Each structure stands twice: as structure tokens, then as C-alpha cells.
PDB file of N, CA and C in Angstrom:
ATOM      1  N   MET A   1      20.514  -1.917  35.400  1.00  0.00           N
ATOM      2  CA  MET A   1      20.874  -1.824  33.544  1.00  0.00           C
ATOM      3  C   MET A   1      20.289  -2.146  32.563  1.00  0.00           C
ATOM      4  N   LYS A   2      19.595  -3.373  32.867  1.00  0.00           N
ATOM      5  CA  LYS A   2      18.516  -4.116  32.161  1.00  0.00           C
ATOM      6  C   LYS A   2      17.530  -2.677  31.281  1.00  0.00           C
ATOM      7  N   SER A   3      17.294  -2.198  32.299  1.00  0.00           N
ATOM      8  CA  SER A   3      16.184  -1.412  32.736  1.00  0.00           C
ATOM      9  C   SER A   3      16.322  -0.149  31.074  1.00  0.00           C
ATOM     10  N   GLY A   4      17.469   0.438  31.638  1.00  0.00           N
ATOM     11  CA  GLY A   4      18.724   1.200  31.249  1.00  0.00           C
ATOM     12  C   GLY A   4      18.235   1.031  29.499  1.00  0.00           C
ATOM     13  N   ILE A   5      19.048  -0.430  29.304  1.00  0.00           N
ATOM     14  CA  ILE A   5      19.199  -0.831  27.726  1.00  0.00           C
ATOM     15  C   ILE A   5      17.030  -0.712  27.243  1.00  0.00           C
ATOM     16  N   SER A   6      16.484  -1.451  27.972  1.00  0.00           N
ATOM     17  CA  SER A   6      14.949  -0.941  27.341  1.00  0.00           C
ATOM     18  C   SER A   6      14.346  -0.128  27.276  1.00  0.00           C
ATOM     19  N   VAL A   7      14.713   1.119  27.499  1.00  0.00           N
ATOM     20  CA  VAL A   7      14.933   2.942  27.551  1.00  0.00           C
ATOM     21  C   VAL A   7      15.426   2.903  26.425  1.00  0.00           C
ATOM     22  N   ILE A   8      16.922   2.779  26.145  1.00  0.00           N
ATOM     23  CA  ILE A   8      17.316   3.087  24.909  1.00  0.00           C
ATOM     24  C   ILE A   8      16.716   2.098  24.076  1.00  0.00           C
ATOM     25  N   LEU A   9      16.194   1.170  23.972  1.00  0.00           N
ATOM     26  CA  LEU A   9      15.472   0.445  22.603  1.00  0.00           C
ATOM     27  C   LEU A   9      14.416   1.003  22.446  1.00  0.00           C
ATOM     28  N   LEU A  10      13.879   1.598  23.598  1.00  0.00           N
ATOM     29  CA  LEU A  10      12.014   2.045  23.132  1.00  0.00           C
ATOM     30  C   LEU A  10      12.527   3.489  22.470  1.00  0.00           C
ATOM     31  N   VAL A  11      13.219   4.211  23.069  1.00  0.00           N
ATOM     32  CA  VAL A  11      14.011   5.641  22.004  1.00  0.00           C
ATOM     33  C   VAL A  11      13.832   5.454  20.700  1.00  0.00           C
ATOM     34  N   ILE A  12      15.150   4.479  20.579  1.00  0.00           N
ATOM     35  CA  ILE A  12      15.350   4.276  19.445  1.00  0.00           C
ATOM     36  C   ILE A  12      14.171   3.394  18.192  1.00  0.00           C
ATOM     37  N   ASN A  13      13.757   2.859  19.071  1.00  0.00           N
ATOM     38  CA  ASN A  13      12.043   2.373  18.621  1.00  0.00           C
ATOM     39  C   ASN A  13      11.772   3.015  18.176  1.00  0.00           C
ATOM     40  N   PHE A  14      10.893   4.345  18.889  1.00  0.00           N
ATOM     41  CA  PHE A  14      10.345   5.334  18.748  1.00  0.00           C
ATOM     42  C   PHE A  14      11.219   6.415  17.313  1.00  0.00           C
ATOM     43  N   ILE A  15      11.956   6.697  17.313  1.00  0.00           N
ATOM     44  CA  ILE A  15      12.885   7.597  16.355  1.00  0.00           C
ATOM     45  C   ILE A  15      12.636   6.500  14.978  1.00  0.00           C
ATOM     46  N   ALA A  16      12.588   5.659  14.974  1.00  0.00           N
ATOM     47  CA  ALA A  16      12.869   4.528  13.583  1.00  0.00           C
ATOM     48  C   ALA A  16      11.366   4.974  13.161  1.00  0.00           C
ATOM     49  N   MET A  17       9.685   4.772  14.289  1.00  0.00           N
ATOM     50  CA  MET A  17       8.948   4.678  13.676  1.00  0.00           C
ATOM     51  C   MET A  17       8.367   6.417  13.247  1.00  0.00           C
ATOM     52  N   MET A  18       9.091   7.411  13.756  1.00  0.00           N
ATOM     53  CA  MET A  18       9.089   8.384  13.284  1.00  0.00           C
ATOM     54  C   MET A  18       9.455   9.023  12.278  1.00  0.00           C
ATOM     55  N   GLY A  19      10.784   8.639  11.654  1.00  0.00           N
ATOM     56  CA  GLY A  19      11.589   8.832  10.799  1.00  0.00           C
ATOM     57  C   GLY A  19      11.005   8.016   9.865  1.00  0.00           C
ATOM     58  N   LEU A  20      10.525   6.976   9.869  1.00  0.00           N
ATOM     59  CA  LEU A  20       9.561   6.065   8.952  1.00  0.00           C
ATOM     60  C   LEU A  20       8.618   6.622   8.221  1.00  0.00           C
ATOM     61  N   TRP A  21       7.367   7.235   9.681  1.00  0.00           N
ATOM     62  CA  TRP A  21       6.318   7.905   8.951  1.00  0.00           C
ATOM     63  C   TRP A  21       6.458   9.586   8.292  1.00  0.00           C
ATOM     64  N   PHE A  22       7.730  10.026   8.398  1.00  0.00           N
ATOM     65  CA  PHE A  22       8.126  10.712   8.148  1.00  0.00           C
ATOM     66  C   PHE A  22       8.580  10.672   6.505  1.00  0.00           C
ATOM     67  N   ILE A  23       9.446   9.834   6.258  1.00  0.00           N
ATOM     68  CA  ILE A  23       9.394   9.396   4.867  1.00  0.00           C
ATOM     69  C   ILE A  23       8.280   8.801   3.593  1.00  0.00           C
ATOM     70  N   VAL A  24       7.573   8.117   4.811  1.00  0.00           N
ATOM     71  CA  VAL A  24       6.204   8.291   4.151  1.00  0.00           C
ATOM     72  C   VAL A  24       5.410   9.124   3.688  1.00  0.00           C
ATOM     73  N   TRP A  25       5.088  10.240   4.666  1.00  0.00           N
ATOM     74  CA  TRP A  25       5.141  11.301   4.553  1.00  0.00           C
ATOM     75  C   TRP A  25       5.362  12.078   3.590  1.00  0.00           C
ATOM     76  N   PHE A  26       6.579  12.785   3.199  1.00  0.00           N
ATOM     77  CA  PHE A  26       7.359  13.296   2.455  1.00  0.00           C
ATOM     78  C   PHE A  26       7.220  12.591   1.234  1.00  0.00           C
ATOM     79  N   ALA A  27       7.347  11.454   0.835  1.00  0.00           N
ATOM     80  CA  ALA A  27       7.230  10.418   0.007  1.00  0.00           C
ATOM     81  C   ALA A  27       5.950  10.444  -0.701  1.00  0.00           C
ATOM     82  N   THR A  28       5.111  10.468  -0.232  1.00  0.00           N
ATOM     83  CA  THR A  28       3.155  11.018  -1.120  1.00  0.00           C
ATOM     84  C   THR A  28       3.517  12.075  -1.029  1.00  0.00           C
ATOM     85  N   ASP A  29       4.140  12.965  -0.912  1.00  0.00           N
ATOM     86  CA  ASP A  29       3.428  14.875  -0.369  1.00  0.00           C
ATOM     87  C   ASP A  29       4.727  14.552  -1.926  1.00  0.00           C
ATOM     88  N   LEU A  30       6.002  14.763  -2.159  1.00  0.00           N
ATOM     89  CA  LEU A  30       6.464  14.535  -3.395  1.00  0.00           C
ATOM     90  C   LEU A  30       5.404  13.756  -4.881  1.00  0.00           C
ATOM     91  N   PHE A  31       5.232  12.618  -4.675  1.00  0.00           N
ATOM     92  CA  PHE A  31       4.319  11.911  -5.601  1.00  0.00           C
ATOM     93  C   PHE A  31       3.299  12.965  -6.019  1.00  0.00           C
ATOM     94  N   THR A  32       2.371  13.340  -5.296  1.00  0.00           N
ATOM     95  CA  THR A  32       1.173  14.387  -5.561  1.00  0.00           C
ATOM     96  C   THR A  32       1.992  16.019  -6.580  1.00  0.00           C
ATOM     97  N   LEU A  33       3.114  16.259  -5.705  1.00  0.00           N
ATOM     98  CA  LEU A  33       3.832  17.268  -6.486  1.00  0.00           C
ATOM     99  C   LEU A  33       3.324  17.070  -8.079  1.00  0.00           C
ATOM    100  N   LEU A  34       4.643  15.709  -8.044  1.00  0.00           N
ATOM    101  CA  LEU A  34       5.091  15.234  -9.466  1.00  0.00           C
ATOM    102  C   LEU A  34       3.488  14.834 -10.147  1.00  0.00           C
ATOM    103  N   LEU A  35       2.766  13.865  -9.432  1.00  0.00           N
ATOM    104  CA  LEU A  35       1.308  14.105 -10.526  1.00  0.00           C
ATOM    105  C   LEU A  35       0.780  15.519 -10.793  1.00  0.00           C
ATOM    106  N   LEU A  36       0.255  15.733  -9.885  1.00  0.00           N
ATOM    107  CA  LEU A  36       0.039  17.478 -10.134  1.00  0.00           C
ATOM    108  C   LEU A  36       0.753  17.679 -11.667  1.00  0.00           C
ATOM    109  N   ASN A  37       1.697  18.053 -11.437  1.00  0.00           N
ATOM    110  CA  ASN A  37       2.926  18.373 -12.611  1.00  0.00           C
ATOM    111  C   ASN A  37       2.952  18.361 -14.133  1.00  0.00           C
ATOM    112  N   VAL A  38       2.590  17.073 -14.048  1.00  0.00           N
ATOM    113  CA  VAL A  38       2.219  16.128 -14.934  1.00  0.00           C
ATOM    114  C   VAL A  38       0.985  16.479 -15.507  1.00  0.00           C
ATOM    115  N   LEU A  39       0.090  16.173 -14.521  1.00  0.00           N
ATOM    116  CA  LEU A  39      -1.719  16.692 -14.788  1.00  0.00           C
ATOM    117  C   LEU A  39      -1.310  17.632 -15.886  1.00  0.00           C
ATOM    118  N   GLN A  40      -0.964  18.919 -14.960  1.00  0.00           N
ATOM    119  CA  GLN A  40      -0.435  20.113 -15.376  1.00  0.00           C
ATOM    120  C   GLN A  40      -0.112  20.488 -17.121  1.00  0.00           C
ATOM    121  N   GLY A  41       1.242  19.807 -17.077  1.00  0.00           N
ATOM    122  CA  GLY A  41       1.396  19.599 -18.515  1.00  0.00           C
ATOM    123  C   GLY A  41       1.468  19.061 -19.340  1.00  0.00           C
ATOM    124  N   LYS A  42       0.170  17.682 -19.030  1.00  0.00           N
ATOM    125  CA  LYS A  42      -0.917  17.271 -20.398  1.00  0.00           C
ATOM    126  C   LYS A  42      -2.214  18.207 -20.530  1.00  0.00           C
ATOM    127  N   GLN A  43      -2.386  19.070 -19.422  1.00  0.00           N
ATOM    128  CA  GLN A  43      -3.627  19.847 -20.585  1.00  0.00           C
ATOM    129  C   GLN A  43      -2.954  21.232 -21.035  1.00  0.00           C
ATOM    130  N   MET A  44      -1.540  21.132 -20.696  1.00  0.00           N
ATOM    131  CA  MET A  44      -0.787  22.530 -21.406  1.00  0.00           C
ATOM    132  C   MET A  44      -0.841  22.094 -22.681  1.00  0.00           C
ATOM    133  N   ASN A  45      -0.279  21.181 -22.726  1.00  0.00           N
ATOM    134  CA  ASN A  45       0.073  20.534 -24.810  1.00  0.00           C
ATOM    135  C   ASN A  45      -1.715  20.552 -24.887  1.00  0.00           C
ATOM    136  N   LYS A  46      -2.635  19.754 -24.732  1.00  0.00           N
ATOM    137  CA  LYS A  46      -4.066  20.171 -24.962  1.00  0.00           C
ATOM    138  C   LYS A  46      -4.570  21.695 -26.177  1.00  0.00           C
ATOM    139  N   GLY A  47      -3.913  22.580 -24.885  1.00  0.00           N
ATOM    140  CA  GLY A  47      -4.244  23.800 -24.999  1.00  0.00           C
ATOM    141  C   GLY A  47      -3.300  24.335 -26.484  1.00  0.00           C
TER     142      GLY A  47
END
């Protein structure tokens, strides 16, 4: 019974870590796109 609980905790921990990495990756990707759009907008204003 204890081994089953530890396996469930391991799976939950793994899913949580994967979710965390996905959020970080998605946030950085979104931030990069936002930054590029801002930079392009500034360049267009100059031109």
C-alpha cells in the first residue's frame, strides 16, 4: 500500500515539474514575441 502511494506521489511530482517547465518555456516564448513586436514597432515609428 505504501509503495503505491509513493508511486502516485512520484507521478504527481513529475507532472508538476513538467507543467512548471512548460509554463516557464511558454512564458519566455511569449515574452520574446512581445519584445520583438515592441522593437519592430519602435523601428516603424522611426521610419
